[in-house]
């Protein structure tokens, strides 16, 4: 049984917390919104998931330290527009060996330059900028195609993911 923190008390985070709890994990749900946590504590349900009763032993908190300390896994389930600020907020509390999984959906921001180019910034880029990364794994179509230390993040930022996609395609053809 793992100790898991779901960062984000919206319907996506709560849905994941219910699944993880049903699979025997100890779950703490964190939100930066006190009213959201209070509603979850009192009503034991999320308004977007009617009929889904939240277990009595599931913990709800706005306290960053309570949410992250001693947890085996931190699941980033905040709205993508809050991914960067949440990652930055928890980064001093992330312990060596703690695993972080981002399940945030969407694009944080985009901007159009004067020459017509469009820059899209995904939430994963913002997480990597805010947290110290000591291990990196690259998956393409569910297959592990590369792993390394934090320097792999710099390589990805400089060269993009295309090299990994090409590598996965080559390996797929040879399998």
C-alpha atoms as a PDB file:
ATOM      1  CA  UNK A   1       0.000   0.000   0.000  1.00  0.00           C
ATOM      2  CA  UNK A   2       1.480   3.327  -1.075  1.00  0.00           C
ATOM      3  CA  UNK A   3       0.918   6.688   0.540  1.00  0.00           C
ATOM      4  CA  UNK A   4      -0.343   8.948  -2.233  1.00  0.00           C
ATOM      5  CA  UNK A   5      -1.048  12.656  -2.411  1.00  0.00           C
ATOM      6  CA  UNK A   6      -3.390  13.929  -5.086  1.00  0.00           C
ATOM      7  CA  UNK A   7      -2.562  17.577  -5.759  1.00  0.00           C
ATOM      8  CA  UNK A   8      -5.872  18.959  -6.972  1.00  0.00           C
ATOM      9  CA  UNK A   9      -9.366  18.577  -5.529  1.00  0.00           C
ATOM     10  CA  UNK A  10     -11.321  18.938  -8.761  1.00  0.00           C
ATOM     11  CA  UNK A  11     -13.285  16.147 -10.379  1.00  0.00           C
ATOM     12  CA  UNK A  12     -10.213  14.636 -12.119  1.00  0.00           C
ATOM     13  CA  UNK A  13      -8.177  14.565  -8.888  1.00  0.00           C
ATOM     14  CA  UNK A  14     -11.087  13.217  -6.863  1.00  0.00           C
ATOM     15  CA  UNK A  15     -11.846  10.542  -9.460  1.00  0.00           C
ATOM     16  CA  UNK A  16      -8.231   9.376  -9.326  1.00  0.00           C
ATOM     17  CA  UNK A  17      -8.225   9.478  -5.530  1.00  0.00           C
ATOM     18  CA  UNK A  18     -11.258   7.167  -5.392  1.00  0.00           C
ATOM     19  CA  UNK A  19      -9.622   4.662  -7.765  1.00  0.00           C
ATOM     20  CA  UNK A  20      -6.343   4.719  -5.825  1.00  0.00           C
ATOM     21  CA  UNK A  21      -8.167   4.293  -2.509  1.00  0.00           C
ATOM     22  CA  UNK A  22     -10.208   1.363  -3.871  1.00  0.00           C
ATOM     23  CA  UNK A  23      -6.903  -0.238  -4.858  1.00  0.00           C
ATOM     24  CA  UNK A  24      -5.726  -0.127  -1.243  1.00  0.00           C
ATOM     25  CA  UNK A  25      -3.641   3.036  -1.189  1.00  0.00           C
ATOM     26  CA  UNK A  26      -3.646   5.626   1.579  1.00  0.00           C
ATOM     27  CA  UNK A  27      -4.824   8.836  -0.104  1.00  0.00           C
ATOM     28  CA  UNK A  28      -4.494  12.487   0.853  1.00  0.00           C
ATOM     29  CA  UNK A  29      -6.108  15.116  -1.370  1.00  0.00           C
ATOM     30  CA  UNK A  30      -4.635  18.616  -1.406  1.00  0.00           C
ATOM     31  CA  UNK A  31      -6.106  21.807  -2.801  1.00  0.00           C
ATOM     32  CA  UNK A  32      -5.035  25.433  -2.548  1.00  0.00           C
ATOM     33  CA  UNK A  33      -8.720  26.356  -2.283  1.00  0.00           C
ATOM     34  CA  UNK A  34      -9.917  26.168   1.358  1.00  0.00           C
ATOM     35  CA  UNK A  35     -13.621  26.178   0.377  1.00  0.00           C
ATOM     36  CA  UNK A  36     -13.029  23.166  -1.880  1.00  0.00           C
ATOM     37  CA  UNK A  37     -11.334  21.197   0.907  1.00  0.00           C
ATOM     38  CA  UNK A  38     -14.016  22.179   3.418  1.00  0.00           C
ATOM     39  CA  UNK A  39     -16.747  20.966   1.035  1.00  0.00           C
ATOM     40  CA  UNK A  40     -14.919  17.656   0.502  1.00  0.00           C
ATOM     41  CA  UNK A  41     -14.453  17.151   4.258  1.00  0.00           C
ATOM     42  CA  UNK A  42     -18.055  17.921   5.157  1.00  0.00           C
ATOM     43  CA  UNK A  43     -20.029  16.484   2.224  1.00  0.00           C
ATOM     44  CA  UNK A  44     -17.551  13.684   1.358  1.00  0.00           C
ATOM     45  CA  UNK A  45     -18.310  14.191  -2.329  1.00  0.00           C
ATOM     46  CA  UNK A  46     -17.408  16.368  -5.312  1.00  0.00           C
ATOM     47  CA  UNK A  47     -20.298  18.214  -6.973  1.00  0.00           C
ATOM     48  CA  UNK A  48     -19.073  17.100 -10.415  1.00  0.00           C
ATOM     49  CA  UNK A  49     -19.206  13.428  -9.359  1.00  0.00           C
ATOM     50  CA  UNK A  50     -22.724  13.028  -7.939  1.00  0.00           C
ATOM     51  CA  UNK A  51     -23.307   9.795  -6.093  1.00  0.00           C
ATOM     52  CA  UNK A  52     -19.610   9.097  -5.549  1.00  0.00           C
ATOM     53  CA  UNK A  53     -19.138   8.970  -1.773  1.00  0.00           C
ATOM     54  CA  UNK A  54     -15.598   9.696  -0.568  1.00  0.00           C
ATOM     55  CA  UNK A  55     -14.183   7.294   2.042  1.00  0.00           C
ATOM     56  CA  UNK A  56     -14.096   8.442   5.652  1.00  0.00           C
ATOM     57  CA  UNK A  57     -10.379   7.657   5.924  1.00  0.00           C
ATOM     58  CA  UNK A  58      -9.454   9.826   2.927  1.00  0.00           C
ATOM     59  CA  UNK A  59      -7.657  12.959   4.123  1.00  0.00           C
ATOM     60  CA  UNK A  60      -8.334  16.429   2.682  1.00  0.00           C
ATOM     61  CA  UNK A  61      -5.995  19.330   3.352  1.00  0.00           C
ATOM     62  CA  UNK A  62      -4.739  22.722   2.218  1.00  0.00           C
ATOM     63  CA  UNK A  63      -1.498  22.221   4.166  1.00  0.00           C
ATOM     64  CA  UNK A  64       1.416  21.684   1.754  1.00  0.00           C
ATOM     65  CA  UNK A  65       3.595  19.843   4.269  1.00  0.00           C
ATOM     66  CA  UNK A  66       0.819  17.521   5.480  1.00  0.00           C
ATOM     67  CA  UNK A  67      -0.026  16.724   1.874  1.00  0.00           C
ATOM     68  CA  UNK A  68       3.499  15.879   0.702  1.00  0.00           C
ATOM     69  CA  UNK A  69       5.491  14.697   3.709  1.00  0.00           C
ATOM     70  CA  UNK A  70       6.037  10.945   3.852  1.00  0.00           C
ATOM     71  CA  UNK A  71       4.154  10.254   0.635  1.00  0.00           C
ATOM     72  CA  UNK A  72       5.501   7.726  -1.853  1.00  0.00           C
ATOM     73  CA  UNK A  73       3.772   9.332  -4.816  1.00  0.00           C
ATOM     74  CA  UNK A  74       2.622  12.860  -5.629  1.00  0.00           C
ATOM     75  CA  UNK A  75       0.024  13.069  -8.398  1.00  0.00           C
ATOM     76  CA  UNK A  76      -0.267  16.502 -10.039  1.00  0.00           C
ATOM     77  CA  UNK A  77      -3.953  16.733 -10.968  1.00  0.00           C
ATOM     78  CA  UNK A  78      -4.392  20.494 -10.833  1.00  0.00           C
ATOM     79  CA  UNK A  79      -5.734  22.452 -13.788  1.00  0.00           C
ATOM     80  CA  UNK A  80      -2.912  23.016 -16.270  1.00  0.00           C
ATOM     81  CA  UNK A  81      -3.030  26.767 -15.648  1.00  0.00           C
ATOM     82  CA  UNK A  82      -1.949  26.046 -12.041  1.00  0.00           C
ATOM     83  CA  UNK A  83       0.644  23.354 -12.747  1.00  0.00           C
ATOM     84  CA  UNK A  84       3.646  25.684 -12.684  1.00  0.00           C
ATOM     85  CA  UNK A  85       2.630  27.491  -9.491  1.00  0.00           C
ATOM     86  CA  UNK A  86       1.784  24.229  -7.722  1.00  0.00           C
ATOM     87  CA  UNK A  87       5.084  22.611  -8.745  1.00  0.00           C
ATOM     88  CA  UNK A  88       6.966  25.679  -7.567  1.00  0.00           C
ATOM     89  CA  UNK A  89       4.993  25.712  -4.317  1.00  0.00           C
ATOM     90  CA  UNK A  90       5.730  22.086  -3.415  1.00  0.00           C
ATOM     91  CA  UNK A  91       9.292  21.904  -4.747  1.00  0.00           C
ATOM     92  CA  UNK A  92      10.963  22.691  -1.384  1.00  0.00           C
ATOM     93  CA  UNK A  93       8.964  19.854   0.184  1.00  0.00           C
ATOM     94  CA  UNK A  94       9.686  17.132  -2.364  1.00  0.00           C
ATOM     95  CA  UNK A  95      11.934  14.498  -0.783  1.00  0.00           C
ATOM     96  CA  UNK A  96      14.682  12.505  -2.442  1.00  0.00           C
ATOM     97  CA  UNK A  97      13.117   9.463  -4.081  1.00  0.00           C
ATOM     98  CA  UNK A  98       9.543  10.756  -4.086  1.00  0.00           C
ATOM     99  CA  UNK A  99       7.857  10.057  -7.383  1.00  0.00           C
ATOM    100  CA  UNK A 100       5.798  12.708  -9.141  1.00  0.00           C
ATOM    101  CA  UNK A 101       3.290  11.933 -11.862  1.00  0.00           C
ATOM    102  CA  UNK A 102       1.526  14.658 -13.795  1.00  0.00           C
ATOM    103  CA  UNK A 103      -1.952  13.881 -15.044  1.00  0.00           C
ATOM    104  CA  UNK A 104      -2.852  17.503 -15.722  1.00  0.00           C
ATOM    105  CA  UNK A 105      -4.575  18.011 -19.021  1.00  0.00           C
ATOM    106  CA  UNK A 106      -4.265  20.831 -21.477  1.00  0.00           C
ATOM    107  CA  UNK A 107      -1.946  23.658 -22.332  1.00  0.00           C
ATOM    108  CA  UNK A 108      -0.833  26.242 -19.831  1.00  0.00           C
ATOM    109  CA  UNK A 109      -0.321  29.134 -22.186  1.00  0.00           C
ATOM    110  CA  UNK A 110       0.222  29.993 -25.771  1.00  0.00           C
ATOM    111  CA  UNK A 111       1.394  33.097 -27.508  1.00  0.00           C
ATOM    112  CA  UNK A 112       1.494  34.254 -31.068  1.00  0.00           C
ATOM    113  CA  UNK A 113       4.556  36.154 -32.180  1.00  0.00           C
ATOM    114  CA  UNK A 114       4.560  39.032 -34.652  1.00  0.00           C
ATOM    115  CA  UNK A 115       5.896  36.747 -37.400  1.00  0.00           C
ATOM    116  CA  UNK A 116       2.895  34.452 -37.048  1.00  0.00           C
ATOM    117  CA  UNK A 117       4.667  31.642 -35.176  1.00  0.00           C
ATOM    118  CA  UNK A 118       2.702  29.983 -32.415  1.00  0.00           C
ATOM    119  CA  UNK A 119       4.418  28.899 -29.209  1.00  0.00           C
ATOM    120  CA  UNK A 120       2.633  26.296 -27.136  1.00  0.00           C
ATOM    121  CA  UNK A 121       3.896  25.540 -23.651  1.00  0.00           C
ATOM    122  CA  UNK A 122       2.712  22.327 -22.039  1.00  0.00           C
ATOM    123  CA  UNK A 123       2.390  21.798 -18.317  1.00  0.00           C
ATOM    124  CA  UNK A 124       5.197  19.189 -18.268  1.00  0.00           C
ATOM    125  CA  UNK A 125       7.712  21.853 -19.308  1.00  0.00           C
ATOM    126  CA  UNK A 126       6.656  23.993 -16.369  1.00  0.00           C
ATOM    127  CA  UNK A 127       6.978  21.104 -13.920  1.00  0.00           C
ATOM    128  CA  UNK A 128      10.528  20.421 -15.084  1.00  0.00           C
ATOM    129  CA  UNK A 129      11.402  24.095 -14.617  1.00  0.00           C
ATOM    130  CA  UNK A 130      10.062  24.126 -11.052  1.00  0.00           C
ATOM    131  CA  UNK A 131      11.311  20.844  -9.593  1.00  0.00           C
ATOM    132  CA  UNK A 132      14.775  19.367  -9.204  1.00  0.00           C
ATOM    133  CA  UNK A 133      14.721  16.236 -11.332  1.00  0.00           C
ATOM    134  CA  UNK A 134      17.150  13.446 -10.461  1.00  0.00           C
ATOM    135  CA  UNK A 135      15.687  10.713 -12.670  1.00  0.00           C
ATOM    136  CA  UNK A 136      14.013  11.079 -16.038  1.00  0.00           C
ATOM    137  CA  UNK A 137      12.146   8.463 -18.060  1.00  0.00           C
ATOM    138  CA  UNK A 138      10.881   9.082 -21.586  1.00  0.00           C
ATOM    139  CA  UNK A 139       7.893   7.064 -22.811  1.00  0.00           C
ATOM    140  CA  UNK A 140       6.642   6.946 -26.382  1.00  0.00           C
ATOM    141  CA  UNK A 141       3.429   5.023 -27.030  1.00  0.00           C
ATOM    142  CA  UNK A 142       3.742   3.483 -23.575  1.00  0.00           C
ATOM    143  CA  UNK A 143       7.260   2.149 -24.183  1.00  0.00           C
ATOM    144  CA  UNK A 144      10.337   3.291 -22.291  1.00  0.00           C
ATOM    145  CA  UNK A 145      12.738   4.692 -24.894  1.00  0.00           C
ATOM    146  CA  UNK A 146      15.211   6.604 -22.719  1.00  0.00           C
ATOM    147  CA  UNK A 147      16.156   7.117 -19.121  1.00  0.00           C
ATOM    148  CA  UNK A 148      18.746   9.191 -17.380  1.00  0.00           C
ATOM    149  CA  UNK A 149      19.447  11.782 -14.732  1.00  0.00           C
ATOM    150  CA  UNK A 150      18.352  15.418 -14.645  1.00  0.00           C
ATOM    151  CA  UNK A 151      20.626  16.275 -17.578  1.00  0.00           C
ATOM    152  CA  UNK A 152      18.206  14.405 -19.853  1.00  0.00           C
ATOM    153  CA  UNK A 153      15.708  17.180 -19.116  1.00  0.00           C
ATOM    154  CA  UNK A 154      18.159  19.742 -20.516  1.00  0.00           C
ATOM    155  CA  UNK A 155      18.630  17.568 -23.614  1.00  0.00           C
ATOM    156  CA  UNK A 156      14.861  17.409 -24.106  1.00  0.00           C
ATOM    157  CA  UNK A 157      14.546  21.175 -23.685  1.00  0.00           C
ATOM    158  CA  UNK A 158      17.335  21.802 -26.211  1.00  0.00           C
ATOM    159  CA  UNK A 159      16.507  19.143 -28.816  1.00  0.00           C
ATOM    160  CA  UNK A 160      12.849  18.305 -28.243  1.00  0.00           C
ATOM    161  CA  UNK A 161      11.131  14.910 -28.191  1.00  0.00           C
ATOM    162  CA  UNK A 162      11.497  14.136 -31.878  1.00  0.00           C
ATOM    163  CA  UNK A 163      14.691  12.138 -31.335  1.00  0.00           C
ATOM    164  CA  UNK A 164      12.848   9.851 -28.928  1.00  0.00           C
ATOM    165  CA  UNK A 165       9.908   9.380 -31.263  1.00  0.00           C
ATOM    166  CA  UNK A 166      12.311   8.441 -34.077  1.00  0.00           C
ATOM    167  CA  UNK A 167      14.110   6.045 -31.732  1.00  0.00           C
ATOM    168  CA  UNK A 168      10.827   4.418 -30.694  1.00  0.00           C
ATOM    169  CA  UNK A 169       9.789   4.031 -34.333  1.00  0.00           C
ATOM    170  CA  UNK A 170      13.123   2.394 -35.197  1.00  0.00           C
ATOM    171  CA  UNK A 171      12.833   0.000 -32.247  1.00  0.00           C
ATOM    172  CA  UNK A 172       9.226  -0.785 -33.212  1.00  0.00           C
ATOM    173  CA  UNK A 173      10.284  -1.719 -36.723  1.00  0.00           C
ATOM    174  CA  UNK A 174      13.001  -4.002 -35.368  1.00  0.00           C
ATOM    175  CA  UNK A 175      10.719  -5.793 -32.885  1.00  0.00           C
END
